[in-house]
């Protein structure tokens, strides 16, 4: 009996463009909360948020921000996966 091979696991993007990241913040209803949190961070982090051309999942800023939101690793994966489709 033939059975189709299992689908490969979804690949979570390591980075997304700034446009994709900011759009996904809006889609997820997180924009105001994230902007408020960024405003409490050092100016270097504020500049990185505003002027980065891309957002890398494993960067310390991302880890800090998602931790502040209470996101799990699976939720971060889902955020980046959804952002990559925008």
PDB file of N, CA and C in Angstrom:
ATOM      1  N   UNK A   1       0.838  -1.164   0.000  1.00  0.00           N
ATOM      2  CA  UNK A   1       0.000   0.000   0.000  1.00  0.00           C
ATOM      3  C   UNK A   1       0.894   1.242   0.000  1.00  0.00           C
ATOM      4  N   UNK A   2       0.589   2.160  -0.872  1.00  0.00           N
ATOM      5  CA  UNK A   2       1.365   3.398  -0.989  1.00  0.00           C
ATOM      6  C   UNK A   2       0.755   4.468  -0.094  1.00  0.00           C
ATOM      7  N   UNK A   3       1.619   5.136   0.620  1.00  0.00           N
ATOM      8  CA  UNK A   3       1.160   6.306   1.377  1.00  0.00           C
ATOM      9  C   UNK A   3       2.118   7.452   1.088  1.00  0.00           C
ATOM     10  N   UNK A   4       1.554   8.598   0.978  1.00  0.00           N
ATOM     11  CA  UNK A   4       2.357   9.785   0.675  1.00  0.00           C
ATOM     12  C   UNK A   4       3.296  10.070   1.842  1.00  0.00           C
ATOM     13  N   UNK A   5       4.490  10.551   1.530  1.00  0.00           N
ATOM     14  CA  UNK A   5       5.411  10.899   2.619  1.00  0.00           C
ATOM     15  C   UNK A   5       4.849  12.067   3.427  1.00  0.00           C
ATOM     16  N   UNK A   6       5.238  12.144   4.679  1.00  0.00           N
ATOM     17  CA  UNK A   6       4.736  13.269   5.485  1.00  0.00           C
ATOM     18  C   UNK A   6       5.239  14.597   4.933  1.00  0.00           C
ATOM     19  N   UNK A   7       4.441  15.601   5.132  1.00  0.00           N
ATOM     20  CA  UNK A   7       4.835  16.942   4.686  1.00  0.00           C
ATOM     21  C   UNK A   7       6.052  17.387   5.483  1.00  0.00           C
ATOM     22  N   UNK A   8       6.968  18.085   4.829  1.00  0.00           N
ATOM     23  CA  UNK A   8       8.132  18.586   5.570  1.00  0.00           C
ATOM     24  C   UNK A   8       7.675  19.598   6.618  1.00  0.00           C
ATOM     25  N   UNK A   9       8.416  19.691   7.704  1.00  0.00           N
ATOM     26  CA  UNK A   9       8.028  20.670   8.725  1.00  0.00           C
ATOM     27  C   UNK A   9       8.119  22.093   8.169  1.00  0.00           C
ATOM     28  N   UNK A  10       7.250  22.938   8.657  1.00  0.00           N
ATOM     29  CA  UNK A  10       7.264  24.335   8.218  1.00  0.00           C
ATOM     30  C   UNK A  10       8.582  24.985   8.635  1.00  0.00           C
ATOM     31  N   UNK A  11       9.123  25.760   7.740  1.00  0.00           N
ATOM     32  CA  UNK A  11      10.370  26.466   8.024  1.00  0.00           C
ATOM     33  C   UNK A  11      10.022  27.849   8.563  1.00  0.00           C
ATOM     34  N   UNK A  12      10.492  28.118   9.757  1.00  0.00           N
ATOM     35  CA  UNK A  12      10.258  29.430  10.365  1.00  0.00           C
ATOM     36  C   UNK A  12      11.356  30.362   9.876  1.00  0.00           C
ATOM     37  N   UNK A  13      10.977  31.495   9.278  1.00  0.00           N
ATOM     38  CA  UNK A  13      12.005  32.417   8.790  1.00  0.00           C
ATOM     39  C   UNK A  13      12.829  32.988   9.939  1.00  0.00           C
ATOM     40  N   UNK A  14      14.123  33.095   9.720  1.00  0.00           N
ATOM     41  CA  UNK A  14      15.010  33.674  10.737  1.00  0.00           C
ATOM     42  C   UNK A  14      14.872  35.197  10.776  1.00  0.00           C
ATOM     43  N   UNK A  15      14.439  35.782   9.649  1.00  0.00           N
ATOM     44  CA  UNK A  15      14.258  37.234   9.628  1.00  0.00           C
ATOM     45  C   UNK A  15      13.115  37.595   8.690  1.00  0.00           C
ATOM     46  N   UNK A  16      12.583  38.785   8.902  1.00  0.00           N
ATOM     47  CA  UNK A  16      11.564  39.355   8.016  1.00  0.00           C
ATOM     48  C   UNK A  16      11.927  40.819   7.785  1.00  0.00           C
ATOM     49  N   UNK A  17      11.394  41.384   6.718  1.00  0.00           N
ATOM     50  CA  UNK A  17      11.671  42.796   6.446  1.00  0.00           C
ATOM     51  C   UNK A  17      10.979  43.663   7.496  1.00  0.00           C
ATOM     52  N   UNK A  18      11.446  44.889   7.603  1.00  0.00           N
ATOM     53  CA  UNK A  18      10.822  45.831   8.538  1.00  0.00           C
ATOM     54  C   UNK A  18       9.353  46.028   8.186  1.00  0.00           C
ATOM     55  N   UNK A  19       9.051  46.105   6.903  1.00  0.00           N
ATOM     56  CA  UNK A  19       7.657  46.266   6.470  1.00  0.00           C
ATOM     57  C   UNK A  19       6.813  45.102   6.955  1.00  0.00           C
ATOM     58  N   UNK A  20       7.297  43.878   6.738  1.00  0.00           N
ATOM     59  CA  UNK A  20       6.555  42.696   7.173  1.00  0.00           C
ATOM     60  C   UNK A  20       6.368  42.686   8.688  1.00  0.00           C
ATOM     61  N   UNK A  21       7.426  43.021   9.416  1.00  0.00           N
ATOM     62  CA  UNK A  21       7.361  43.010  10.874  1.00  0.00           C
ATOM     63  C   UNK A  21       6.329  44.011  11.383  1.00  0.00           C
ATOM     64  N   UNK A  22       6.393  45.238  10.880  1.00  0.00           N
ATOM     65  CA  UNK A  22       5.475  46.276  11.349  1.00  0.00           C
ATOM     66  C   UNK A  22       4.033  45.974  10.940  1.00  0.00           C
ATOM     67  N   UNK A  23       3.836  45.443   9.737  1.00  0.00           N
ATOM     68  CA  UNK A  23       2.480  45.055   9.334  1.00  0.00           C
ATOM     69  C   UNK A  23       1.941  43.949  10.228  1.00  0.00           C
ATOM     70  N   UNK A  24       2.789  42.972  10.566  1.00  0.00           N
ATOM     71  CA  UNK A  24       2.337  41.880  11.427  1.00  0.00           C
ATOM     72  C   UNK A  24       2.014  42.380  12.831  1.00  0.00           C
ATOM     73  N   UNK A  25       2.745  43.374  13.315  1.00  0.00           N
ATOM     74  CA  UNK A  25       2.377  43.978  14.602  1.00  0.00           C
ATOM     75  C   UNK A  25       0.946  44.500  14.547  1.00  0.00           C
ATOM     76  N   UNK A  26       0.590  45.151  13.441  1.00  0.00           N
ATOM     77  CA  UNK A  26      -0.767  45.681  13.294  1.00  0.00           C
ATOM     78  C   UNK A  26      -1.788  44.557  13.194  1.00  0.00           C
ATOM     79  N   UNK A  27      -1.501  43.557  12.367  1.00  0.00           N
ATOM     80  CA  UNK A  27      -2.416  42.425  12.193  1.00  0.00           C
ATOM     81  C   UNK A  27      -2.678  41.741  13.535  1.00  0.00           C
ATOM     82  N   UNK A  28      -1.627  41.587  14.333  1.00  0.00           N
ATOM     83  CA  UNK A  28      -1.734  40.901  15.626  1.00  0.00           C
ATOM     84  C   UNK A  28      -2.278  41.802  16.736  1.00  0.00           C
ATOM     85  N   UNK A  29      -2.514  43.081  16.423  1.00  0.00           N
ATOM     86  CA  UNK A  29      -3.031  44.005  17.424  1.00  0.00           C
ATOM     87  C   UNK A  29      -2.013  44.384  18.490  1.00  0.00           C
ATOM     88  N   UNK A  30      -0.736  44.349  18.113  1.00  0.00           N
ATOM     89  CA  UNK A  30       0.342  44.589  19.073  1.00  0.00           C
ATOM     90  C   UNK A  30       1.052  45.926  18.911  1.00  0.00           C
ATOM     91  N   UNK A  31       0.730  46.658  17.865  1.00  0.00           N
ATOM     92  CA  UNK A  31       1.507  47.862  17.548  1.00  0.00           C
ATOM     93  C   UNK A  31       1.594  48.836  18.731  1.00  0.00           C
ATOM     94  N   UNK A  32       0.492  49.214  19.323  1.00  0.00           N
ATOM     95  CA  UNK A  32       0.513  50.201  20.416  1.00  0.00           C
ATOM     96  C   UNK A  32       1.290  49.677  21.621  1.00  0.00           C
ATOM     97  N   UNK A  33       1.092  48.414  21.949  1.00  0.00           N
ATOM     98  CA  UNK A  33       1.789  47.824  23.096  1.00  0.00           C
ATOM     99  C   UNK A  33       3.299  47.788  22.866  1.00  0.00           C
ATOM    100  N   UNK A  34       3.706  47.415  21.661  1.00  0.00           N
ATOM    101  CA  UNK A  34       5.136  47.339  21.353  1.00  0.00           C
ATOM    102  C   UNK A  34       5.749  48.737  21.315  1.00  0.00           C
ATOM    103  N   UNK A  35       5.072  49.690  20.717  1.00  0.00           N
ATOM    104  CA  UNK A  35       5.600  51.056  20.663  1.00  0.00           C
ATOM    105  C   UNK A  35       5.742  51.623  22.075  1.00  0.00           C
ATOM    106  N   UNK A  36       4.788  51.344  22.946  1.00  0.00           N
ATOM    107  CA  UNK A  36       4.897  51.804  24.337  1.00  0.00           C
ATOM    108  C   UNK A  36       6.102  51.167  25.019  1.00  0.00           C
ATOM    109  N   UNK A  37       6.314  49.875  24.795  1.00  0.00           N
ATOM    110  CA  UNK A  37       7.460  49.187  25.410  1.00  0.00           C
ATOM    111  C   UNK A  37       8.772  49.729  24.856  1.00  0.00           C
ATOM    112  N   UNK A  38       8.839  49.905  23.532  1.00  0.00           N
ATOM    113  CA  UNK A  38      10.060  50.435  22.905  1.00  0.00           C
ATOM    114  C   UNK A  38      10.402  51.796  23.510  1.00  0.00           C
ATOM    115  N   UNK A  39       9.394  52.609  23.804  1.00  0.00           N
ATOM    116  CA  UNK A  39       9.621  53.926  24.392  1.00  0.00           C
ATOM    117  C   UNK A  39      10.280  53.890  25.761  1.00  0.00           C
ATOM    118  N   UNK A  40      10.249  52.748  26.421  1.00  0.00           N
ATOM    119  CA  UNK A  40      10.891  52.614  27.736  1.00  0.00           C
ATOM    120  C   UNK A  40      12.307  52.065  27.635  1.00  0.00           C
ATOM    121  N   UNK A  41      12.756  51.760  26.433  1.00  0.00           N
ATOM    122  CA  UNK A  41      14.053  51.123  26.227  1.00  0.00           C
ATOM    123  C   UNK A  41      15.132  52.163  25.908  1.00  0.00           C
ATOM    124  N   UNK A  42      16.400  51.761  25.997  1.00  0.00           N
ATOM    125  CA  UNK A  42      17.494  52.684  25.648  1.00  0.00           C
ATOM    126  C   UNK A  42      17.350  53.200  24.216  1.00  0.00           C
ATOM    127  N   UNK A  43      17.886  54.385  23.981  1.00  0.00           N
ATOM    128  CA  UNK A  43      17.754  55.031  22.679  1.00  0.00           C
ATOM    129  C   UNK A  43      18.297  54.151  21.552  1.00  0.00           C
ATOM    130  N   UNK A  44      19.329  53.366  21.826  1.00  0.00           N
ATOM    131  CA  UNK A  44      19.881  52.489  20.780  1.00  0.00           C
ATOM    132  C   UNK A  44      18.832  51.470  20.327  1.00  0.00           C
ATOM    133  N   UNK A  45      18.064  50.947  21.271  1.00  0.00           N
ATOM    134  CA  UNK A  45      17.023  49.988  20.906  1.00  0.00           C
ATOM    135  C   UNK A  45      15.883  50.688  20.179  1.00  0.00           C
ATOM    136  N   UNK A  46      15.554  51.897  20.607  1.00  0.00           N
ATOM    137  CA  UNK A  46      14.516  52.663  19.920  1.00  0.00           C
ATOM    138  C   UNK A  46      14.919  52.925  18.471  1.00  0.00           C
ATOM    139  N   UNK A  47      16.183  53.309  18.270  1.00  0.00           N
ATOM    140  CA  UNK A  47      16.677  53.548  16.909  1.00  0.00           C
ATOM    141  C   UNK A  47      16.657  52.268  16.084  1.00  0.00           C
ATOM    142  N   UNK A  48      17.058  51.159  16.680  1.00  0.00           N
ATOM    143  CA  UNK A  48      17.053  49.882  15.961  1.00  0.00           C
ATOM    144  C   UNK A  48      15.639  49.527  15.523  1.00  0.00           C
ATOM    145  N   UNK A  49      14.666  49.741  16.387  1.00  0.00           N
ATOM    146  CA  UNK A  49      13.276  49.445  16.050  1.00  0.00           C
ATOM    147  C   UNK A  49      12.798  50.325  14.903  1.00  0.00           C
ATOM    148  N   UNK A  50      13.146  51.598  14.951  1.00  0.00           N
ATOM    149  CA  UNK A  50      12.659  52.543  13.943  1.00  0.00           C
ATOM    150  C   UNK A  50      13.377  52.426  12.603  1.00  0.00           C
ATOM    151  N   UNK A  51      14.682  52.157  12.625  1.00  0.00           N
ATOM    152  CA  UNK A  51      15.465  52.264  11.397  1.00  0.00           C
ATOM    153  C   UNK A  51      15.969  50.943  10.821  1.00  0.00           C
ATOM    154  N   UNK A  52      15.715  49.829  11.485  1.00  0.00           N
ATOM    155  CA  UNK A  52      16.186  48.542  10.952  1.00  0.00           C
ATOM    156  C   UNK A  52      15.494  48.230   9.635  1.00  0.00           C
ATOM    157  N   UNK A  53      16.243  47.644   8.725  1.00  0.00           N
ATOM    158  CA  UNK A  53      15.675  47.210   7.452  1.00  0.00           C
ATOM    159  C   UNK A  53      15.069  45.824   7.543  1.00  0.00           C
ATOM    160  N   UNK A  54      15.477  45.085   8.573  1.00  0.00           N
ATOM    161  CA  UNK A  54      14.929  43.747   8.799  1.00  0.00           C
ATOM    162  C   UNK A  54      14.961  43.450  10.292  1.00  0.00           C
ATOM    163  N   UNK A  55      14.182  42.472  10.682  1.00  0.00           N
ATOM    164  CA  UNK A  55      14.119  42.044  12.075  1.00  0.00           C
ATOM    165  C   UNK A  55      14.473  40.566  12.134  1.00  0.00           C
ATOM    166  N   UNK A  56      15.490  40.256  12.939  1.00  0.00           N
ATOM    167  CA  UNK A  56      16.021  38.899  13.050  1.00  0.00           C
ATOM    168  C   UNK A  56      15.496  38.279  14.341  1.00  0.00           C
ATOM    169  N   UNK A  57      14.889  37.109  14.200  1.00  0.00           N
ATOM    170  CA  UNK A  57      14.222  36.452  15.316  1.00  0.00           C
ATOM    171  C   UNK A  57      15.138  36.252  16.519  1.00  0.00           C
ATOM    172  N   UNK A  58      16.398  35.931  16.293  1.00  0.00           N
ATOM    173  CA  UNK A  58      17.307  35.559  17.379  1.00  0.00           C
ATOM    174  C   UNK A  58      18.063  36.740  18.005  1.00  0.00           C
ATOM    175  N   UNK A  59      17.816  37.960  17.541  1.00  0.00           N
ATOM    176  CA  UNK A  59      18.521  39.114  18.108  1.00  0.00           C
ATOM    177  C   UNK A  59      18.025  39.403  19.526  1.00  0.00           C
ATOM    178  N   UNK A  60      18.909  39.898  20.391  1.00  0.00           N
ATOM    179  CA  UNK A  60      18.518  40.199  21.776  1.00  0.00           C
ATOM    180  C   UNK A  60      17.320  41.145  21.884  1.00  0.00           C
ATOM    181  N   UNK A  61      17.216  42.138  20.984  1.00  0.00           N
ATOM    182  CA  UNK A  61      16.071  43.044  21.031  1.00  0.00           C
ATOM    183  C   UNK A  61      14.772  42.273  20.829  1.00  0.00           C
ATOM    184  N   UNK A  62      14.773  41.341  19.885  1.00  0.00           N
ATOM    185  CA  UNK A  62      13.573  40.545  19.631  1.00  0.00           C
ATOM    186  C   UNK A  62      13.240  39.683  20.840  1.00  0.00           C
ATOM    187  N   UNK A  63      14.255  39.048  21.392  1.00  0.00           N
ATOM    188  CA  UNK A  63      14.032  38.188  22.557  1.00  0.00           C
ATOM    189  C   UNK A  63      13.468  38.993  23.723  1.00  0.00           C
ATOM    190  N   UNK A  64      14.007  40.180  23.960  1.00  0.00           N
ATOM    191  CA  UNK A  64      13.518  41.036  25.049  1.00  0.00           C
ATOM    192  C   UNK A  64      12.080  41.483  24.807  1.00  0.00           C
ATOM    193  N   UNK A  65      11.811  41.903  23.596  1.00  0.00           N
ATOM    194  CA  UNK A  65      10.471  42.385  23.269  1.00  0.00           C
ATOM    195  C   UNK A  65       9.416  41.304  23.376  1.00  0.00           C
ATOM    196  N   UNK A  66       9.704  40.143  22.820  1.00  0.00           N
ATOM    197  CA  UNK A  66       8.728  39.058  22.895  1.00  0.00           C
ATOM    198  C   UNK A  66       8.576  38.547  24.326  1.00  0.00           C
ATOM    199  N   UNK A  67       9.657  38.570  25.104  1.00  0.00           N
ATOM    200  CA  UNK A  67       9.561  38.184  26.520  1.00  0.00           C
ATOM    201  C   UNK A  67       8.652  39.162  27.263  1.00  0.00           C
ATOM    202  N   UNK A  68       8.775  40.451  26.944  1.00  0.00           N
ATOM    203  CA  UNK A  68       7.925  41.462  27.583  1.00  0.00           C
ATOM    204  C   UNK A  68       6.453  41.241  27.250  1.00  0.00           C
ATOM    205  N   UNK A  69       6.184  40.681  26.069  1.00  0.00           N
ATOM    206  CA  UNK A  69       4.812  40.376  25.663  1.00  0.00           C
ATOM    207  C   UNK A  69       4.321  39.059  26.249  1.00  0.00           C
ATOM    208  N   UNK A  70       5.242  38.284  26.829  1.00  0.00           N
ATOM    209  CA  UNK A  70       4.881  36.975  27.363  1.00  0.00           C
ATOM    210  C   UNK A  70       4.753  35.900  26.300  1.00  0.00           C
ATOM    211  N   UNK A  71       5.377  36.131  25.144  1.00  0.00           N
ATOM    212  CA  UNK A  71       5.278  35.176  24.038  1.00  0.00           C
ATOM    213  C   UNK A  71       6.130  33.936  24.282  1.00  0.00           C
ATOM    214  N   UNK A  72       5.580  32.796  23.890  1.00  0.00           N
ATOM    215  CA  UNK A  72       6.326  31.542  23.911  1.00  0.00           C
ATOM    216  C   UNK A  72       7.113  31.423  22.612  1.00  0.00           C
ATOM    217  N   UNK A  73       8.013  30.466  22.569  1.00  0.00           N
ATOM    218  CA  UNK A  73       8.782  30.227  21.346  1.00  0.00           C
ATOM    219  C   UNK A  73       7.857  29.896  20.180  1.00  0.00           C
ATOM    220  N   UNK A  74       6.822  29.111  20.438  1.00  0.00           N
ATOM    221  CA  UNK A  74       5.867  28.755  19.381  1.00  0.00           C
ATOM    222  C   UNK A  74       5.117  29.986  18.877  1.00  0.00           C
ATOM    223  N   UNK A  75       4.778  30.906  19.770  1.00  0.00           N
ATOM    224  CA  UNK A  75       4.090  32.130  19.355  1.00  0.00           C
ATOM    225  C   UNK A  75       5.010  33.029  18.531  1.00  0.00           C
ATOM    226  N   UNK A  76       6.281  33.072  18.893  1.00  0.00           N
ATOM    227  CA  UNK A  76       7.246  33.860  18.119  1.00  0.00           C
ATOM    228  C   UNK A  76       7.395  33.253  16.730  1.00  0.00           C
ATOM    229  N   UNK A  77       7.498  31.930  16.666  1.00  0.00           N
ATOM    230  CA  UNK A  77       7.569  31.249  15.369  1.00  0.00           C
ATOM    231  C   UNK A  77       6.355  31.602  14.519  1.00  0.00           C
ATOM    232  N   UNK A  78       5.175  31.548  15.118  1.00  0.00           N
ATOM    233  CA  UNK A  78       3.945  31.858  14.384  1.00  0.00           C
ATOM    234  C   UNK A  78       3.943  33.309  13.909  1.00  0.00           C
ATOM    235  N   UNK A  79       4.430  34.232  14.738  1.00  0.00           N
ATOM    236  CA  UNK A  79       4.498  35.643  14.359  1.00  0.00           C
ATOM    237  C   UNK A  79       5.392  35.814  13.132  1.00  0.00           C
ATOM    238  N   UNK A  80       6.603  35.240  13.175  1.00  0.00           N
ATOM    239  CA  UNK A  80       7.534  35.384  12.057  1.00  0.00           C
ATOM    240  C   UNK A  80       7.023  34.676  10.804  1.00  0.00           C
ATOM    241  N   UNK A  81       6.391  33.524  10.982  1.00  0.00           N
ATOM    242  CA  UNK A  81       5.844  32.796   9.837  1.00  0.00           C
ATOM    243  C   UNK A  81       4.744  33.613   9.169  1.00  0.00           C
ATOM    244  N   UNK A  82       3.852  34.188   9.969  1.00  0.00           N
ATOM    245  CA  UNK A  82       2.777  35.019   9.417  1.00  0.00           C
ATOM    246  C   UNK A  82       3.336  36.285   8.778  1.00  0.00           C
ATOM    247  N   UNK A  83       4.312  36.906   9.421  1.00  0.00           N
ATOM    248  CA  UNK A  83       4.906  38.136   8.876  1.00  0.00           C
ATOM    249  C   UNK A  83       5.541  37.884   7.519  1.00  0.00           C
ATOM    250  N   UNK A  84       6.170  36.736   7.361  1.00  0.00           N
ATOM    251  CA  UNK A  84       6.844  36.418   6.097  1.00  0.00           C
ATOM    252  C   UNK A  84       5.864  36.315   4.934  1.00  0.00           C
ATOM    253  N   UNK A  85       4.596  36.098   5.220  1.00  0.00           N
ATOM    254  CA  UNK A  85       3.583  35.981   4.166  1.00  0.00           C
ATOM    255  C   UNK A  85       3.013  37.327   3.741  1.00  0.00           C
ATOM    256  N   UNK A  86       3.355  38.389   4.453  1.00  0.00           N
ATOM    257  CA  UNK A  86       2.811  39.721   4.138  1.00  0.00           C
ATOM    258  C   UNK A  86       3.635  40.429   3.086  1.00  0.00           C
TER     259      UNK A  86
END
